[in-house]
């Protein structure tokens, strides 16, 4: 039995050597892929984590593919036919997976373009939230309402993306209506004083209070001011509250919606004008 095994090894020594060499080649390229990806990991200070992670995976995959092809060549497999078959297979897969490939290339474009990154507050289409992950195939956003939204990268590239984290300040706009009987100049002064005293309102660019339009029930003022991006909603809410309190303290009326209703008395054909007021207050128009 031992002699038979010895003879078989002698007869197939070259074949065994080739297979062992192929296995060794795959192992060498496997560890080489890890070594090749290490310098990329050191770029984390200069590049976003998601870009570094995907580059590491890409480098490892490329090195491993080269190792497998080299091992097949050592074993004696003709790579010419293999590559031709792989080419046709790639065409078939490409036609069958157009959407997947679209997401893949869109993901590469997102990573290289740096349109969004992890931690950014964004609005993609009608959905807004904080970016948690940017991958090759999809982007994950935690909505402001708490849900987690996964968006295919092709949809991200095809949508209007508003990134609220790229600027240090954002401009807020508030519409305020005052009655026609109120002093417009006084109302403007009161609102400007509120903006001046607010710590969340930036002095530069200077806030503005404009007379915007003459509405059905009120003179409409437009209040424009800038606030730090991280405090935008808190600043806007605070300013709305303080404007309302200041106008009421100065006796400036924020009018209720008014509607004139004409009732026709069929018997006498008389028109009786009746003026009514809505219960809901038009404190501030958004």
Protein backbone atom coordinates (compact mmCIF):
# COMPACT_ATOMS: atom_id res chain seq x y z
CA UNK A 1 0.00 0.00 0.00
CA UNK A 2 2.78 2.35 0.93
CA UNK A 3 4.65 1.53 -2.24
CA UNK A 4 1.53 2.25 -4.34
CA UNK A 5 1.13 5.63 -2.73
CA UNK A 6 4.82 6.34 -3.24
CA UNK A 7 4.62 5.37 -6.89
CA UNK A 8 1.51 7.49 -7.44
CA UNK A 9 3.23 10.48 -5.86
CA UNK A 10 6.28 9.96 -8.08
CA UNK A 11 4.13 9.67 -11.18
CA UNK A 12 2.07 12.76 -10.33
CA UNK A 13 4.76 14.75 -8.58
CA UNK A 14 4.64 17.58 -11.12
CA UNK A 15 0.82 17.77 -10.93
CA UNK A 16 0.89 17.78 -7.12
CA UNK A 17 3.54 20.48 -7.19
CA UNK A 18 1.40 22.62 -9.45
CA UNK A 19 -1.66 22.29 -7.22
CA UNK A 20 0.37 23.05 -4.10
CA UNK A 21 1.89 26.03 -5.85
CA UNK A 22 -1.61 27.24 -6.82
CA UNK A 23 -2.84 26.96 -3.24
CA UNK A 24 0.27 28.72 -1.99
CA UNK A 25 -0.27 31.45 -4.57
CA UNK A 26 -3.84 32.07 -3.41
CA UNK A 27 -2.67 32.24 0.21
CA UNK A 28 0.14 34.63 -0.70
CA UNK A 29 -2.21 36.93 -2.60
CA UNK A 30 -4.74 36.75 0.25
CA UNK A 31 -2.20 38.06 2.73
CA UNK A 32 -0.86 40.46 0.11
CA UNK A 33 -4.34 41.95 -0.21
CA UNK A 34 -4.35 42.69 3.51
CA UNK A 35 -0.90 44.24 3.33
CA UNK A 36 -1.85 46.30 0.27
CA UNK A 37 -4.92 47.70 2.01
CA UNK A 38 -3.07 48.79 5.15
CA UNK A 39 -1.65 52.03 3.69
CA UNK A 40 -5.18 53.04 2.71
CA UNK A 41 -6.35 52.69 6.32
CA UNK A 42 -3.76 55.28 7.31
CA UNK A 43 -5.58 57.83 5.13
CA UNK A 44 -8.52 58.03 7.54
CA UNK A 45 -7.39 61.43 8.74
CA UNK A 46 -7.54 62.82 5.21
CA UNK A 47 -10.49 60.89 3.83
CA UNK A 48 -13.97 60.07 5.03
CA UNK A 49 -14.32 56.69 6.81
CA UNK A 50 -16.81 55.32 4.28
CA UNK A 51 -14.47 56.14 1.37
CA UNK A 52 -11.54 54.45 3.11
CA UNK A 53 -13.63 51.36 3.93
CA UNK A 54 -14.81 50.90 0.36
CA UNK A 55 -11.34 51.51 -1.08
CA UNK A 56 -9.91 48.86 1.25
CA UNK A 57 -12.53 46.35 0.12
CA UNK A 58 -11.88 47.20 -3.53
CA UNK A 59 -8.11 46.78 -3.26
CA UNK A 60 -8.51 43.41 -1.50
CA UNK A 61 -10.94 42.17 -4.14
CA UNK A 62 -8.65 43.18 -7.02
CA UNK A 63 -5.57 41.51 -5.46
CA UNK A 64 -7.53 38.32 -4.69
CA UNK A 65 -8.87 38.11 -8.25
CA UNK A 66 -5.32 38.44 -9.60
CA UNK A 67 -4.20 35.70 -7.20
CA UNK A 68 -6.97 33.32 -8.28
CA UNK A 69 -6.22 33.89 -11.98
CA UNK A 70 -2.51 33.29 -11.33
CA UNK A 71 -3.31 30.05 -9.47
CA UNK A 72 -5.50 28.83 -12.33
CA UNK A 73 -2.69 29.56 -14.75
CA UNK A 74 -0.23 27.55 -12.60
CA UNK A 75 -2.60 24.58 -12.53
CA UNK A 76 -2.68 24.64 -16.31
CA UNK A 77 -6.14 25.98 -17.03
CA UNK A 78 -6.31 28.00 -20.25
CA UNK A 79 -7.32 31.47 -19.18
CA UNK A 80 -8.05 32.58 -22.73
CA UNK A 81 -11.28 30.63 -22.92
CA UNK A 82 -12.03 31.47 -19.31
CA UNK A 83 -11.68 35.19 -19.97
CA UNK A 84 -13.88 34.96 -23.07
CA UNK A 85 -16.54 33.10 -21.09
CA UNK A 86 -16.20 35.64 -18.29
CA UNK A 87 -16.65 38.45 -20.82
CA UNK A 88 -19.89 36.98 -22.18
CA UNK A 89 -21.06 36.28 -18.63
CA UNK A 90 -20.31 39.87 -17.70
CA UNK A 91 -22.39 41.14 -20.62
CA UNK A 92 -25.34 38.93 -19.63
CA UNK A 93 -25.06 39.94 -15.98
CA UNK A 94 -24.75 43.59 -16.96
CA UNK A 95 -27.95 43.47 -19.00
CA UNK A 96 -29.80 41.60 -16.26
CA UNK A 97 -28.54 43.83 -13.45
CA UNK A 98 -28.62 47.30 -14.95
CA UNK A 99 -30.19 48.79 -11.83
CA UNK A 100 -27.60 47.17 -9.55
CA UNK A 101 -24.75 48.41 -11.71
CA UNK A 102 -26.36 51.84 -11.80
CA UNK A 103 -26.38 51.89 -8.00
CA UNK A 104 -22.76 50.72 -7.96
CA UNK A 105 -21.44 53.45 -10.24
CA UNK A 106 -23.65 56.04 -8.52
CA UNK A 107 -22.10 54.96 -5.21
CA UNK A 108 -18.60 55.45 -6.61
CA UNK A 109 -19.61 58.90 -7.86
CA UNK A 110 -21.02 59.83 -4.45
CA UNK A 111 -17.86 58.73 -2.65
CA UNK A 112 -15.59 60.59 -5.04
CA UNK A 113 -17.79 63.65 -5.41
CA UNK A 114 -18.17 64.10 -1.65
CA UNK A 115 -21.74 65.38 -2.03
CA UNK A 116 -22.77 63.93 1.34
CA UNK A 117 -20.96 62.26 4.22
CA UNK A 118 -21.81 60.50 7.46
CA UNK A 119 -23.24 62.93 10.02
CA UNK A 120 -24.61 65.44 7.49
CA UNK A 121 -28.16 66.76 7.90
CA UNK A 122 -29.73 66.40 4.48
CA UNK A 123 -33.00 66.35 2.59
CA UNK A 124 -33.19 63.91 -0.30
CA UNK A 125 -36.35 64.53 -2.29
CA UNK A 126 -39.07 64.88 0.35
CA UNK A 127 -37.20 63.01 3.11
CA UNK A 128 -34.92 64.71 5.60
CA UNK A 129 -32.62 63.34 8.27
CA UNK A 130 -29.02 62.57 9.24
CA UNK A 131 -26.76 60.41 7.04
CA UNK A 132 -25.64 57.25 8.85
CA UNK A 133 -23.92 55.33 6.06
CA UNK A 134 -22.77 55.90 2.49
CA UNK A 135 -21.97 52.65 0.71
CA UNK A 136 -21.32 51.42 -2.79
CA UNK A 137 -24.93 50.35 -3.41
CA UNK A 138 -27.07 52.46 -1.08
CA UNK A 139 -27.16 55.33 1.40
CA UNK A 140 -28.77 55.06 4.83
CA UNK A 141 -30.46 58.08 6.42
CA UNK A 142 -32.03 58.28 9.87
CA UNK A 143 -35.08 60.49 9.38
CA UNK A 144 -35.84 63.29 11.81
CA UNK A 145 -38.94 61.33 12.80
CA UNK A 146 -36.73 58.39 13.89
CA UNK A 147 -37.19 55.91 11.04
CA UNK A 148 -34.20 54.60 9.06
CA UNK A 149 -34.46 55.15 5.31
CA UNK A 150 -32.26 53.22 2.85
CA UNK A 151 -32.02 54.95 -0.52
CA UNK A 152 -30.47 53.34 -3.63
CA UNK A 153 -27.51 55.43 -4.74
CA UNK A 154 -28.97 55.87 -8.21
CA UNK A 155 -31.98 57.58 -6.59
CA UNK A 156 -29.65 59.80 -4.54
CA UNK A 157 -27.77 60.87 -7.67
CA UNK A 158 -31.04 61.51 -9.50
CA UNK A 159 -32.60 63.60 -6.70
CA UNK A 160 -32.09 67.13 -5.47
CA UNK A 161 -29.98 66.82 -2.32
CA UNK A 162 -30.09 69.65 0.21
CA UNK A 163 -27.13 69.48 2.60
CA UNK A 164 -27.75 71.63 5.67
CA UNK A 165 -24.39 70.83 7.30
CA UNK A 166 -22.08 72.32 4.70
CA UNK A 167 -22.64 75.96 5.74
CA UNK A 168 -22.04 77.37 9.21
CA UNK A 169 -25.22 79.46 9.06
CA UNK A 170 -28.69 79.31 7.51
CA UNK A 171 -31.20 82.03 6.74
CA UNK A 172 -34.61 81.83 8.40
CA UNK A 173 -37.72 83.44 6.97
CA UNK A 174 -40.82 84.28 9.02
CA UNK A 175 -44.04 85.94 7.80
CA UNK A 176 -45.89 88.16 10.27
CA UNK A 177 -49.27 89.79 9.68
CA UNK A 178 -50.43 92.95 11.49
CA UNK A 179 -53.80 94.71 11.28
CA UNK A 180 -54.35 97.64 8.93
CA UNK A 181 -55.03 99.86 11.93
CA UNK A 182 -51.60 99.15 13.47
CA UNK A 183 -48.54 101.36 13.01
CA UNK A 184 -46.34 99.58 10.46
CA UNK A 185 -43.20 101.53 11.30
CA UNK A 186 -43.62 100.75 14.98
CA UNK A 187 -44.11 97.05 14.24
CA UNK A 188 -40.91 97.01 12.18
CA UNK A 189 -38.98 98.67 15.01
CA UNK A 190 -40.34 96.20 17.58
CA UNK A 191 -39.39 93.19 15.45
CA UNK A 192 -35.90 94.56 14.79
CA UNK A 193 -35.40 95.04 18.51
CA UNK A 194 -36.38 91.41 19.13
CA UNK A 195 -33.85 90.28 16.54
CA UNK A 196 -31.14 92.52 18.01
CA UNK A 197 -31.60 91.10 21.52
CA UNK A 198 -31.72 87.44 20.48
CA UNK A 199 -28.41 85.67 21.10
CA UNK A 200 -29.18 83.04 18.45
CA UNK A 201 -29.55 85.62 15.66
CA UNK A 202 -26.32 86.53 13.89
CA UNK A 203 -25.44 90.21 13.56
CA UNK A 204 -23.84 89.58 10.17
CA UNK A 205 -25.44 89.30 7.68
CA UNK A 206 -27.75 91.93 9.16
CA UNK A 207 -31.37 90.87 9.82
CA UNK A 208 -34.07 92.42 7.64
CA UNK A 209 -37.74 93.27 8.18
CA UNK A 210 -39.57 93.95 4.90
CA UNK A 211 -43.13 95.03 4.15
CA UNK A 212 -44.01 92.15 1.88
CA UNK A 213 -47.63 92.57 0.78
CA UNK A 214 -51.11 93.85 1.58
CA UNK A 215 -53.25 90.81 2.35
CA UNK A 216 -57.00 90.39 2.73
CA UNK A 217 -56.89 90.87 6.49
CA UNK A 218 -53.42 92.13 7.30
CA UNK A 219 -50.28 93.95 6.28
CA UNK A 220 -47.76 91.17 5.80
CA UNK A 221 -44.18 91.60 6.99
CA UNK A 222 -41.31 89.31 6.05
CA UNK A 223 -38.62 88.75 8.69
CA UNK A 224 -35.23 87.49 7.45
CA UNK A 225 -32.30 86.61 9.69
CA UNK A 226 -29.33 84.25 9.86
CA UNK A 227 -28.67 81.68 12.59
CA UNK A 228 -25.99 79.02 13.20
CA UNK A 229 -26.87 75.81 11.34
CA UNK A 230 -26.83 73.69 14.50
CA UNK A 231 -29.24 76.11 16.25
CA UNK A 232 -31.45 76.93 13.26
CA UNK A 233 -34.76 75.45 14.43
CA UNK A 234 -34.27 76.57 18.02
CA UNK A 235 -33.52 80.12 16.85
CA UNK A 236 -36.52 80.22 14.52
CA UNK A 237 -38.91 78.96 17.19
CA UNK A 238 -37.54 81.39 19.79
CA UNK A 239 -37.82 84.40 17.45
CA UNK A 240 -41.44 83.55 16.54
CA UNK A 241 -42.40 83.39 20.20
CA UNK A 242 -40.60 86.62 21.11
CA UNK A 243 -42.07 88.54 18.14
CA UNK A 244 -45.60 87.57 19.16
CA UNK A 245 -45.00 88.58 22.79
CA UNK A 246 -43.38 91.89 21.81
CA UNK A 247 -46.12 92.87 19.36
CA UNK A 248 -48.84 92.12 21.90
CA UNK A 249 -46.98 94.09 24.59
CA UNK A 250 -46.86 97.14 22.28
CA UNK A 251 -50.54 96.90 21.42
CA UNK A 252 -49.93 95.89 17.82
CA UNK A 253 -52.73 93.60 16.70
CA UNK A 254 -52.15 90.33 14.91
CA UNK A 255 -55.55 90.12 13.21
CA UNK A 256 -57.96 87.24 13.02
CA UNK A 257 -59.07 86.13 9.55
CA UNK A 258 -62.22 87.99 8.57
CA UNK A 259 -64.87 87.01 6.07
CA UNK A 260 -67.97 88.89 4.89
CA UNK A 261 -71.00 86.64 4.36
CA UNK A 262 -74.12 87.90 2.59
CA UNK A 263 -77.37 86.14 3.50
CA UNK A 264 -80.24 86.45 1.04
CA UNK A 265 -83.75 86.42 2.49
CA UNK A 266 -85.80 84.89 -0.24
CA UNK A 267 -89.10 86.20 1.04
CA UNK A 268 -88.08 89.86 0.99
CA UNK A 269 -85.12 89.59 -1.38
CA UNK A 270 -83.08 91.56 1.11
CA UNK A 271 -79.34 91.24 1.48
CA UNK A 272 -78.17 91.21 5.08
CA UNK A 273 -74.41 91.75 5.52
CA UNK A 274 -72.98 89.80 8.41
CA UNK A 275 -69.33 90.05 9.46
CA UNK A 276 -67.84 86.94 11.07
CA UNK A 277 -64.46 86.09 12.54
CA UNK A 278 -62.69 82.76 12.53
CA UNK A 279 -61.74 81.18 15.82
CA UNK A 280 -58.19 80.34 14.68
CA UNK A 281 -55.66 83.13 15.13
CA UNK A 282 -53.35 84.00 12.28
CA UNK A 283 -50.47 84.64 14.60
CA UNK A 284 -47.68 83.86 12.22
CA UNK A 285 -47.74 82.61 8.67
CA UNK A 286 -45.19 80.02 7.76
